[in-house]
Amino acid sequence: MRQKQYFAFQSGAKHSRAVNSDLFLDEEETLGNLVEILRNPFAHDISSFQLTRTVYTAAIVFCCANDLRNPNDQKTPGTFFEFFIRLVFSAHLGCKAKTRLPVMNMDEDCDLPTDLIFDLGTQKPKFHVPVKTSTRERIIQVWAHQRVVDGAYGVGRFLGLPVIMAETKVDAKKKEVVEICLPRQWRLYQMFIAQLWGVCYLDLPMKYEALNHVYPLLNVHPVGDYLSKDGIMDRFLKTL
């Protein structure tokens, strides 16, 4: 696999976050693909790679624009990304997301605040979908939250599938883009905290892609592999 190429948008002295050149589409193609994906989740003929490029471009352009307009604002891109992923997955799975789950309590009613929960119905899959623009050291929160959900509802009842934009960071002095990855920690978390069903990336780091081939098995794939026609999620749902 060839080394990734990145660029950044610029406005005066301000620079946006790094953008993967291979994944960036023009505006017309992005909008056309996105409309088709949302209208026909399991019927469109968009390839896995083009779907990944479409979702990536739609997400990254907003974040880049915010970087240039409000350089110190880290919250808005994350909020937008969560709403955007909620829209895409809701259309794909045919159900609205929840952000709270009722849990059994002997003395009072209690709800567990969660990331996005997609409940496809009785005797059907339920997906626990944390959404993050990047993870780095905070990734342990994803496994910890999955452990809490497993404790409340039973292991395997909710399938953990975090959706992450990228792990890129720009070295301001060297003007280089690096991917901050913690594959050894991921393997430990998967063995000793909880078991995620998979991990979904818009810009998949090569070090995390390698986790598909070592113990413990952790399926880490681009978003297009999960959401494309006959993709991972489509094939999984057809087996039930």
C-alpha atoms as a PDB file:
ATOM      1  CA  MET A   1       0.000   0.000   0.000  1.00  0.00           C
ATOM      2  CA  ARG A   2       1.461   3.350  -1.013  1.00  0.00           C
ATOM      3  CA  GLN A   3       2.011   6.074   1.541  1.00  0.00           C
ATOM      4  CA  LYS A   4      -0.926   8.387   2.086  1.00  0.00           C
ATOM      5  CA  GLN A   5      -0.885  11.918   0.690  1.00  0.00           C
ATOM      6  CA  TYR A   6      -2.470  14.833   2.555  1.00  0.00           C
ATOM      7  CA  PHE A   7      -3.183  18.501   1.946  1.00  0.00           C
ATOM      8  CA  ALA A   8      -4.726  21.348   3.963  1.00  0.00           C
ATOM      9  CA  PHE A   9      -6.938  24.318   3.203  1.00  0.00           C
ATOM     10  CA  GLN A  10      -5.518  27.749   3.957  1.00  0.00           C
ATOM     11  CA  SER A  11      -6.977  31.144   4.773  1.00  0.00           C
ATOM     12  CA  GLY A  12      -4.342  33.754   5.453  1.00  0.00           C
ATOM     13  CA  ALA A  13      -2.109  32.341   8.184  1.00  0.00           C
ATOM     14  CA  LYS A  14      -4.699  29.739   9.196  1.00  0.00           C
ATOM     15  CA  HIS A  15      -4.540  26.116   8.099  1.00  0.00           C
ATOM     16  CA  SER A  16      -7.173  23.404   8.329  1.00  0.00           C
ATOM     17  CA  ARG A  17      -6.659  19.864   9.556  1.00  0.00           C
ATOM     18  CA  ALA A  18      -5.050  17.381   7.167  1.00  0.00           C
ATOM     19  CA  VAL A  19      -7.199  16.023   4.322  1.00  0.00           C
ATOM     20  CA  ASN A  20      -6.509  12.670   2.657  1.00  0.00           C
ATOM     21  CA  SER A  21      -6.052  13.415  -1.061  1.00  0.00           C
ATOM     22  CA  ASP A  22      -7.188   9.965  -2.221  1.00  0.00           C
ATOM     23  CA  LEU A  23     -10.424  10.174  -0.252  1.00  0.00           C
ATOM     24  CA  PHE A  24     -11.432  13.715  -1.209  1.00  0.00           C
ATOM     25  CA  LEU A  25     -14.144  14.106  -3.870  1.00  0.00           C
ATOM     26  CA  ASP A  26     -15.454  17.178  -5.659  1.00  0.00           C
ATOM     27  CA  GLU A  27     -18.646  18.797  -4.408  1.00  0.00           C
ATOM     28  CA  GLU A  28     -20.970  17.585  -7.180  1.00  0.00           C
ATOM     29  CA  GLU A  29     -19.987  13.925  -6.901  1.00  0.00           C
ATOM     30  CA  THR A  30     -20.144  14.017  -3.100  1.00  0.00           C
ATOM     31  CA  LEU A  31     -23.668  15.446  -3.041  1.00  0.00           C
ATOM     32  CA  GLY A  32     -24.915  13.083  -5.746  1.00  0.00           C
ATOM     33  CA  ASN A  33     -23.524  10.013  -4.004  1.00  0.00           C
ATOM     34  CA  LEU A  34     -24.765  11.118  -0.598  1.00  0.00           C
ATOM     35  CA  VAL A  35     -28.324  11.615  -1.842  1.00  0.00           C
ATOM     36  CA  GLU A  36     -28.263   8.158  -3.431  1.00  0.00           C
ATOM     37  CA  ILE A  37     -26.892   6.520  -0.288  1.00  0.00           C
ATOM     38  CA  LEU A  38     -29.533   8.096   1.937  1.00  0.00           C
ATOM     39  CA  ARG A  39     -32.388   7.268  -0.453  1.00  0.00           C
ATOM     40  CA  ASN A  40     -31.397   3.674  -1.212  1.00  0.00           C
ATOM     41  CA  PRO A  41     -29.246   2.305   1.635  1.00  0.00           C
ATOM     42  CA  PHE A  42     -29.126  -1.288   0.357  1.00  0.00           C
ATOM     43  CA  ALA A  43     -29.931  -0.743  -3.321  1.00  0.00           C
ATOM     44  CA  HIS A  44     -27.409   1.784  -4.622  1.00  0.00           C
ATOM     45  CA  ASP A  45     -24.547   0.725  -6.880  1.00  0.00           C
ATOM     46  CA  ILE A  46     -21.867   2.915  -5.296  1.00  0.00           C
ATOM     47  CA  SER A  47     -18.683   0.939  -4.587  1.00  0.00           C
ATOM     48  CA  SER A  48     -17.279   0.535  -1.097  1.00  0.00           C
ATOM     49  CA  PHE A  49     -14.346   2.851  -1.871  1.00  0.00           C
ATOM     50  CA  GLN A  50     -16.566   5.538  -3.398  1.00  0.00           C
ATOM     51  CA  LEU A  51     -18.911   5.316  -0.421  1.00  0.00           C
ATOM     52  CA  THR A  52     -15.967   5.808   1.931  1.00  0.00           C
ATOM     53  CA  ARG A  53     -14.802   8.795  -0.123  1.00  0.00           C
ATOM     54  CA  THR A  54     -18.305  10.287  -0.096  1.00  0.00           C
ATOM     55  CA  VAL A  55     -18.808  10.030   3.664  1.00  0.00           C
ATOM     56  CA  TYR A  56     -15.252  11.202   4.345  1.00  0.00           C
ATOM     57  CA  THR A  57     -15.534  14.254   2.091  1.00  0.00           C
ATOM     58  CA  ALA A  58     -18.913  15.302   3.462  1.00  0.00           C
ATOM     59  CA  ALA A  59     -17.572  15.093   7.016  1.00  0.00           C
ATOM     60  CA  ILE A  60     -14.122  16.597   6.534  1.00  0.00           C
ATOM     61  CA  VAL A  61     -15.172  19.717   4.584  1.00  0.00           C
ATOM     62  CA  PHE A  62     -17.284  20.988   7.477  1.00  0.00           C
ATOM     63  CA  CYS A  63     -14.470  20.352   9.943  1.00  0.00           C
ATOM     64  CA  CYS A  64     -11.955  22.139   7.703  1.00  0.00           C
ATOM     65  CA  ALA A  65     -14.230  25.143   7.292  1.00  0.00           C
ATOM     66  CA  ASN A  66     -14.629  25.346  11.057  1.00  0.00           C
ATOM     67  CA  ASP A  67     -10.850  25.069  11.511  1.00  0.00           C
ATOM     68  CA  LEU A  68     -10.393  28.186   9.381  1.00  0.00           C
ATOM     69  CA  ARG A  69     -13.266  30.199  10.870  1.00  0.00           C
ATOM     70  CA  ASN A  70     -12.871  29.155  14.521  1.00  0.00           C
ATOM     71  CA  PRO A  71      -9.406  27.641  15.059  1.00  0.00           C
ATOM     72  CA  ASN A  72      -9.867  27.131  18.796  1.00  0.00           C
ATOM     73  CA  ASP A  73     -13.263  25.477  18.531  1.00  0.00           C
ATOM     74  CA  GLN A  74     -12.860  21.718  19.036  1.00  0.00           C
ATOM     75  CA  LYS A  75     -16.459  21.011  20.067  1.00  0.00           C
ATOM     76  CA  THR A  76     -18.383  22.002  16.926  1.00  0.00           C
ATOM     77  CA  PRO A  77     -16.673  19.527  14.541  1.00  0.00           C
ATOM     78  CA  GLY A  78     -17.343  16.675  16.972  1.00  0.00           C
ATOM     79  CA  THR A  79     -20.992  17.667  17.367  1.00  0.00           C
ATOM     80  CA  PHE A  80     -21.470  17.920  13.612  1.00  0.00           C
ATOM     81  CA  PHE A  81     -19.741  14.576  13.020  1.00  0.00           C
ATOM     82  CA  GLU A  82     -22.033  12.824  15.507  1.00  0.00           C
ATOM     83  CA  PHE A  83     -25.167  14.253  13.863  1.00  0.00           C
ATOM     84  CA  PHE A  84     -23.865  13.349  10.408  1.00  0.00           C
ATOM     85  CA  ILE A  85     -23.057   9.747  11.345  1.00  0.00           C
ATOM     86  CA  ARG A  86     -26.427   9.483  13.069  1.00  0.00           C
ATOM     87  CA  LEU A  87     -28.099  10.513   9.785  1.00  0.00           C
ATOM     88  CA  VAL A  88     -26.103   8.065   7.644  1.00  0.00           C
ATOM     89  CA  PHE A  89     -26.549   5.073   9.961  1.00  0.00           C
ATOM     90  CA  SER A  90     -30.223   5.839  10.627  1.00  0.00           C
ATOM     91  CA  ALA A  91     -30.900   5.797   6.888  1.00  0.00           C
ATOM     92  CA  HIS A  92     -28.869   2.630   6.414  1.00  0.00           C
ATOM     93  CA  LEU A  93     -30.415   0.675   9.302  1.00  0.00           C
ATOM     94  CA  GLY A  94     -33.925   2.060   8.934  1.00  0.00           C
ATOM     95  CA  CYS A  95     -34.319   3.199  12.547  1.00  0.00           C
ATOM     96  CA  LYS A  96     -33.681   6.281  14.653  1.00  0.00           C
ATOM     97  CA  ALA A  97     -30.836   6.441  17.139  1.00  0.00           C
ATOM     98  CA  LYS A  98     -31.315   6.535  20.899  1.00  0.00           C
ATOM     99  CA  THR A  99     -28.881   8.062  23.365  1.00  0.00           C
ATOM    100  CA  ARG A 100     -30.212   6.583  26.633  1.00  0.00           C
ATOM    101  CA  LEU A 101     -30.965   3.042  27.761  1.00  0.00           C
ATOM    102  CA  PRO A 102     -33.180   1.981  30.690  1.00  0.00           C
ATOM    103  CA  VAL A 103     -31.392  -0.227  33.233  1.00  0.00           C
ATOM    104  CA  MET A 104     -32.746  -2.345  36.071  1.00  0.00           C
ATOM    105  CA  ASN A 105     -32.597  -0.655  39.449  1.00  0.00           C
ATOM    106  CA  MET A 106     -34.153  -2.028  42.642  1.00  0.00           C
ATOM    107  CA  ASP A 107     -35.118   1.338  44.120  1.00  0.00           C
ATOM    108  CA  GLU A 108     -35.816   3.764  41.274  1.00  0.00           C
ATOM    109  CA  ASP A 109     -36.103   4.095  37.519  1.00  0.00           C
ATOM    110  CA  CYS A 110     -32.729   4.739  35.943  1.00  0.00           C
ATOM    111  CA  ASP A 111     -31.442   5.508  32.446  1.00  0.00           C
ATOM    112  CA  LEU A 112     -27.910   4.911  31.236  1.00  0.00           C
ATOM    113  CA  PRO A 113     -26.575   7.753  29.017  1.00  0.00           C
ATOM    114  CA  THR A 114     -24.940   6.200  25.955  1.00  0.00           C
ATOM    115  CA  ASP A 115     -23.479   6.954  22.582  1.00  0.00           C
ATOM    116  CA  LEU A 116     -25.723   6.221  19.593  1.00  0.00           C
ATOM    117  CA  ILE A 117     -27.879   3.106  19.990  1.00  0.00           C
ATOM    118  CA  PHE A 118     -29.610   1.575  16.966  1.00  0.00           C
ATOM    119  CA  ASP A 119     -32.227  -0.982  18.006  1.00  0.00           C
ATOM    120  CA  LEU A 120     -33.582  -2.867  14.997  1.00  0.00           C
ATOM    121  CA  GLY A 121     -36.399  -4.451  17.027  1.00  0.00           C
ATOM    122  CA  THR A 122     -37.301  -7.586  18.967  1.00  0.00           C
ATOM    123  CA  GLN A 123     -34.923 -10.486  18.335  1.00  0.00           C
ATOM    124  CA  LYS A 124     -32.920  -8.309  15.969  1.00  0.00           C
ATOM    125  CA  PRO A 125     -29.460  -6.748  16.283  1.00  0.00           C
ATOM    126  CA  LYS A 126     -28.789  -3.728  18.442  1.00  0.00           C
ATOM    127  CA  PHE A 127     -25.729  -1.602  17.687  1.00  0.00           C
ATOM    128  CA  HIS A 128     -23.782   0.515  20.166  1.00  0.00           C
ATOM    129  CA  VAL A 129     -22.078   3.212  18.042  1.00  0.00           C
ATOM    130  CA  PRO A 130     -19.679   5.664  19.717  1.00  0.00           C
ATOM    131  CA  VAL A 131     -18.724   8.499  17.325  1.00  0.00           C
ATOM    132  CA  LYS A 132     -15.415  10.353  17.523  1.00  0.00           C
ATOM    133  CA  THR A 133     -13.396  12.566  15.182  1.00  0.00           C
ATOM    134  CA  SER A 134     -10.241  10.953  16.653  1.00  0.00           C
ATOM    135  CA  THR A 135      -9.375   8.798  19.657  1.00  0.00           C
ATOM    136  CA  ARG A 136      -5.727   8.583  20.756  1.00  0.00           C
ATOM    137  CA  GLU A 137      -5.539   7.903  24.517  1.00  0.00           C
ATOM    138  CA  ARG A 138      -9.305   8.413  24.933  1.00  0.00           C
ATOM    139  CA  ILE A 139     -10.112   5.206  23.055  1.00  0.00           C
ATOM    140  CA  ILE A 140     -10.262   3.268  26.326  1.00  0.00           C
ATOM    141  CA  GLN A 141     -13.567   5.064  26.965  1.00  0.00           C
ATOM    142  CA  VAL A 142     -15.116   3.134  24.066  1.00  0.00           C
ATOM    143  CA  TRP A 143     -14.236  -0.249  25.547  1.00  0.00           C
ATOM    144  CA  ALA A 144     -15.220   0.858  29.052  1.00  0.00           C
ATOM    145  CA  HIS A 145     -18.625   2.034  27.836  1.00  0.00           C
ATOM    146  CA  GLN A 146     -19.131  -1.253  25.985  1.00  0.00           C
ATOM    147  CA  ARG A 147     -18.337  -3.077  29.234  1.00  0.00           C
ATOM    148  CA  VAL A 148     -21.049  -1.090  31.036  1.00  0.00           C
ATOM    149  CA  VAL A 149     -23.605  -1.888  28.314  1.00  0.00           C
ATOM    150  CA  ASP A 150     -22.616  -5.569  28.428  1.00  0.00           C
ATOM    151  CA  GLY A 151     -23.028  -5.556  32.204  1.00  0.00           C
ATOM    152  CA  ALA A 152     -26.504  -4.054  31.994  1.00  0.00           C
ATOM    153  CA  TYR A 153     -27.858  -6.142  29.101  1.00  0.00           C
ATOM    154  CA  GLY A 154     -25.573  -9.145  28.682  1.00  0.00           C
ATOM    155  CA  VAL A 155     -22.535  -9.781  26.524  1.00  0.00           C
ATOM    156  CA  GLY A 156     -23.356  -9.745  22.818  1.00  0.00           C
ATOM    157  CA  ARG A 157     -26.750  -8.074  23.137  1.00  0.00           C
ATOM    158  CA  PHE A 158     -25.393  -4.760  21.861  1.00  0.00           C
ATOM    159  CA  LEU A 159     -22.751  -4.913  19.142  1.00  0.00           C
ATOM    160  CA  GLY A 160     -20.052  -2.296  19.628  1.00  0.00           C
ATOM    161  CA  LEU A 161     -19.119  -0.425  16.444  1.00  0.00           C
ATOM    162  CA  PRO A 162     -17.289   2.874  17.044  1.00  0.00           C
ATOM    163  CA  VAL A 163     -17.147   5.211  14.045  1.00  0.00           C
ATOM    164  CA  ILE A 164     -14.007   7.351  13.871  1.00  0.00           C
ATOM    165  CA  MET A 165     -12.998   9.967  11.327  1.00  0.00           C
ATOM    166  CA  ALA A 166      -9.171   9.797  11.442  1.00  0.00           C
ATOM    167  CA  GLU A 167      -6.109   9.720  13.690  1.00  0.00           C
ATOM    168  CA  THR A 168      -4.066  12.378  11.911  1.00  0.00           C
ATOM    169  CA  LYS A 169      -2.069  15.159  13.514  1.00  0.00           C
ATOM    170  CA  VAL A 170      -0.041  17.853  11.768  1.00  0.00           C
ATOM    171  CA  ASP A 171       3.476  18.491  13.020  1.00  0.00           C
ATOM    172  CA  ALA A 172       3.562  22.302  12.852  1.00  0.00           C
ATOM    173  CA  LYS A 173       7.357  22.518  12.667  1.00  0.00           C
ATOM    174  CA  LYS A 174       8.039  19.758  10.159  1.00  0.00           C
ATOM    175  CA  LYS A 175       4.794  20.305   8.224  1.00  0.00           C
ATOM    176  CA  GLU A 176       4.251  16.555   8.261  1.00  0.00           C
ATOM    177  CA  VAL A 177       1.133  14.508   8.902  1.00  0.00           C
ATOM    178  CA  VAL A 178       1.457  11.674  11.396  1.00  0.00           C
ATOM    179  CA  GLU A 179      -1.103   9.092  12.486  1.00  0.00           C
ATOM    180  CA  ILE A 180      -1.168   8.561  16.244  1.00  0.00           C
ATOM    181  CA  CYS A 181      -2.071   4.910  16.818  1.00  0.00           C
ATOM    182  CA  LEU A 182      -2.034   2.601  19.844  1.00  0.00           C
ATOM    183  CA  PRO A 183      -2.508  -0.912  18.389  1.00  0.00           C
ATOM    184  CA  ARG A 184      -1.000  -2.752  21.386  1.00  0.00           C
ATOM    185  CA  GLN A 185      -3.384  -1.030  23.785  1.00  0.00           C
ATOM    186  CA  TRP A 186      -6.315  -1.855  21.506  1.00  0.00           C
ATOM    187  CA  ARG A 187      -5.430  -5.541  21.631  1.00  0.00           C
ATOM    188  CA  LEU A 188      -5.277  -5.465  25.435  1.00  0.00           C
ATOM    189  CA  TYR A 189      -8.614  -3.658  25.689  1.00  0.00           C
ATOM    190  CA  GLN A 190     -10.226  -6.190  23.336  1.00  0.00           C
ATOM    191  CA  MET A 191      -8.895  -9.085  25.442  1.00  0.00           C
ATOM    192  CA  PHE A 192      -9.496  -7.807  28.951  1.00  0.00           C
ATOM    193  CA  ILE A 193     -12.181  -5.094  29.006  1.00  0.00           C
ATOM    194  CA  ALA A 194     -14.855  -5.895  26.390  1.00  0.00           C
ATOM    195  CA  GLN A 195     -15.206  -7.206  22.850  1.00  0.00           C
ATOM    196  CA  LEU A 196     -16.152  -4.765  20.125  1.00  0.00           C
ATOM    197  CA  TRP A 197     -17.971  -6.145  17.078  1.00  0.00           C
ATOM    198  CA  GLY A 198     -15.891  -3.924  14.825  1.00  0.00           C
ATOM    199  CA  VAL A 199     -14.347  -0.500  14.306  1.00  0.00           C
ATOM    200  CA  CYS A 200     -15.345   1.782  11.433  1.00  0.00           C
ATOM    201  CA  TYR A 201     -12.995   4.470  10.058  1.00  0.00           C
ATOM    202  CA  LEU A 202     -13.449   7.175   7.470  1.00  0.00           C
ATOM    203  CA  ASP A 203      -9.657   7.444   7.043  1.00  0.00           C
ATOM    204  CA  LEU A 204      -8.339   4.062   8.202  1.00  0.00           C
ATOM    205  CA  PRO A 205      -4.801   4.076   9.693  1.00  0.00           C
ATOM    206  CA  MET A 206      -2.619   1.259   8.352  1.00  0.00           C
ATOM    207  CA  LYS A 207      -1.514   0.249  11.864  1.00  0.00           C
ATOM    208  CA  TYR A 208      -5.125  -0.386  12.838  1.00  0.00           C
ATOM    209  CA  GLU A 209      -5.927  -2.182   9.592  1.00  0.00           C
ATOM    210  CA  ALA A 210      -3.258  -4.716  10.614  1.00  0.00           C
ATOM    211  CA  LEU A 211      -5.392  -5.685  13.641  1.00  0.00           C
ATOM    212  CA  ASN A 212      -7.605  -7.673  11.257  1.00  0.00           C
ATOM    213  CA  HIS A 213      -4.821 -10.274  11.063  1.00  0.00           C
ATOM    214  CA  VAL A 214      -3.645 -10.776  14.654  1.00  0.00           C
ATOM    215  CA  TYR A 215      -5.111 -12.120  17.906  1.00  0.00           C
ATOM    216  CA  PRO A 216      -7.514 -11.094  19.320  1.00  0.00           C
ATOM    217  CA  LEU A 217      -9.528 -10.614  16.138  1.00  0.00           C
ATOM    218  CA  LEU A 218     -10.801  -7.064  15.748  1.00  0.00           C
ATOM    219  CA  ASN A 219     -12.508  -6.116  12.493  1.00  0.00           C
ATOM    220  CA  VAL A 220     -11.263  -2.631  11.560  1.00  0.00           C
ATOM    221  CA  HIS A 221     -12.529  -1.446   8.164  1.00  0.00           C
ATOM    222  CA  PRO A 222     -13.361   1.711   6.189  1.00  0.00           C
ATOM    223  CA  VAL A 223     -16.928   2.966   6.472  1.00  0.00           C
ATOM    224  CA  GLY A 224     -17.690   1.892   2.896  1.00  0.00           C
ATOM    225  CA  ASP A 225     -16.933  -1.755   3.762  1.00  0.00           C
ATOM    226  CA  TYR A 226     -19.632  -1.636   6.441  1.00  0.00           C
ATOM    227  CA  LEU A 227     -22.321   0.352   4.631  1.00  0.00           C
ATOM    228  CA  SER A 228     -21.973  -0.631   0.968  1.00  0.00           C
ATOM    229  CA  LYS A 229     -24.394  -2.922  -0.822  1.00  0.00           C
ATOM    230  CA  ASP A 230     -23.398  -6.514   0.095  1.00  0.00           C
ATOM    231  CA  GLY A 231     -20.939  -5.021   2.597  1.00  0.00           C
ATOM    232  CA  ILE A 232     -20.174  -6.259   6.122  1.00  0.00           C
ATOM    233  CA  MET A 233     -23.384  -5.004   7.728  1.00  0.00           C
ATOM    234  CA  ASP A 234     -25.577  -5.995   4.797  1.00  0.00           C
ATOM    235  CA  ARG A 235     -24.205  -9.563   4.803  1.00  0.00           C
ATOM    236  CA  PHE A 236     -24.549  -9.776   8.574  1.00  0.00           C
ATOM    237  CA  LEU A 237     -28.183  -8.675   8.587  1.00  0.00           C
ATOM    238  CA  LYS A 238     -29.046 -11.144   5.808  1.00  0.00           C
ATOM    239  CA  THR A 239     -27.888 -14.062   7.988  1.00  0.00           C
ATOM    240  CA  LEU A 240     -30.511 -13.299  10.666  1.00  0.00           C
END
